[in-house]
């Protein structure tokens, strides 16, 4: 899985924002604010990662159990899919 081209992550006033650029800016009206774990997942997806890798990353970084990490990753990915931010 990977984030589509045309979406960048910026930190402004301690807020992590996903901002559409170019043609995506025309198609996607708005920005998305992420918390620290969302930022970590987004950055990892920019490089390409499978859901299982994201689960492991959350478990290692935030010392959460696998069920919690799995639920968080599933919710995050579903949100990105709904917003059409993931590459096909």
Protein backbone atom coordinates (compact mmCIF):
# COMPACT_ATOMS: atom_id res chain seq x y z
CA UNK A 1 0.00 0.00 0.00
CA UNK A 2 1.14 3.47 -0.74
CA UNK A 3 -0.12 7.04 -0.53
CA UNK A 4 -1.12 8.55 -3.88
CA UNK A 5 1.10 11.17 -5.43
CA UNK A 6 -0.23 14.63 -4.77
CA UNK A 7 -0.56 14.38 -0.98
CA UNK A 8 2.11 15.81 1.31
CA UNK A 9 2.52 15.81 5.06
CA UNK A 10 3.35 19.11 6.70
CA UNK A 11 3.68 20.16 10.33
CA UNK A 12 2.36 23.64 11.06
CA UNK A 13 2.12 25.02 14.61
CA UNK A 14 2.60 21.49 15.99
CA UNK A 15 -0.31 20.18 13.87
CA UNK A 16 0.37 17.36 11.38
CA UNK A 17 -1.55 18.09 8.17
CA UNK A 18 -2.08 16.10 4.99
CA UNK A 19 -2.37 18.63 2.19
CA UNK A 20 -3.40 17.84 -1.39
CA UNK A 21 -1.28 19.40 -4.14
CA UNK A 22 -1.65 19.82 -7.88
CA UNK A 23 -4.64 18.07 -9.41
CA UNK A 24 -5.40 16.32 -6.13
CA UNK A 25 -5.95 19.78 -4.64
CA UNK A 26 -8.77 20.27 -7.13
CA UNK A 27 -10.30 16.84 -6.48
CA UNK A 28 -9.89 16.84 -2.69
CA UNK A 29 -11.36 19.85 -0.96
CA UNK A 30 -9.73 20.36 2.45
CA UNK A 31 -6.93 19.01 4.60
CA UNK A 32 -6.62 16.18 7.11
CA UNK A 33 -5.17 16.63 10.59
CA UNK A 34 -3.25 13.68 12.06
CA UNK A 35 -2.13 12.83 15.57
CA UNK A 36 1.39 11.48 16.17
CA UNK A 37 0.50 7.86 15.42
CA UNK A 38 -1.36 8.92 12.26
CA UNK A 39 1.70 10.88 11.18
CA UNK A 40 3.89 7.82 11.70
CA UNK A 41 1.53 5.60 9.70
CA UNK A 42 1.20 8.18 6.89
CA UNK A 43 4.99 8.59 6.61
CA UNK A 44 5.42 4.82 6.47
CA UNK A 45 2.73 4.48 3.81
CA UNK A 46 4.45 7.15 1.71
CA UNK A 47 7.34 4.69 1.38
CA UNK A 48 5.02 1.73 0.83
CA UNK A 49 4.03 -0.71 3.56
CA UNK A 50 1.68 -3.57 4.21
CA UNK A 51 -0.89 -3.42 7.03
CA UNK A 52 1.03 -6.05 9.01
CA UNK A 53 4.11 -3.81 8.96
CA UNK A 54 2.04 -0.89 10.24
CA UNK A 55 0.66 -3.03 13.08
CA UNK A 56 4.19 -4.04 14.10
CA UNK A 57 5.33 -0.42 13.94
CA UNK A 58 2.54 0.74 16.27
CA UNK A 59 3.22 -2.12 18.69
CA UNK A 60 6.94 -1.26 18.85
CA UNK A 61 6.54 2.53 18.97
CA UNK A 62 3.61 2.85 21.37
CA UNK A 63 3.81 -0.42 23.34
CA UNK A 64 0.23 -1.41 22.53
CA UNK A 65 -1.14 -4.91 22.13
CA UNK A 66 -1.65 -6.46 18.71
CA UNK A 67 -5.45 -6.22 18.78
CA UNK A 68 -5.37 -2.49 19.51
CA UNK A 69 -2.70 -1.84 16.87
CA UNK A 70 -4.62 -3.93 14.32
CA UNK A 71 -7.87 -2.02 14.99
CA UNK A 72 -6.08 1.33 14.71
CA UNK A 73 -4.39 0.41 11.43
CA UNK A 74 -7.64 -0.94 9.99
CA UNK A 75 -9.48 2.28 10.90
CA UNK A 76 -6.68 4.47 9.50
CA UNK A 77 -6.53 2.57 6.21
CA UNK A 78 -10.32 2.63 5.83
CA UNK A 79 -10.30 6.40 6.36
CA UNK A 80 -7.62 6.85 3.69
CA UNK A 81 -9.57 4.62 1.30
CA UNK A 82 -12.76 6.61 1.93
CA UNK A 83 -10.88 9.83 1.15
CA UNK A 84 -9.30 8.18 -1.94
CA UNK A 85 -5.76 8.90 -0.73
CA UNK A 86 -4.31 5.41 -1.23
CA UNK A 87 -2.79 4.48 -4.57
CA UNK A 88 -4.49 1.65 -6.41
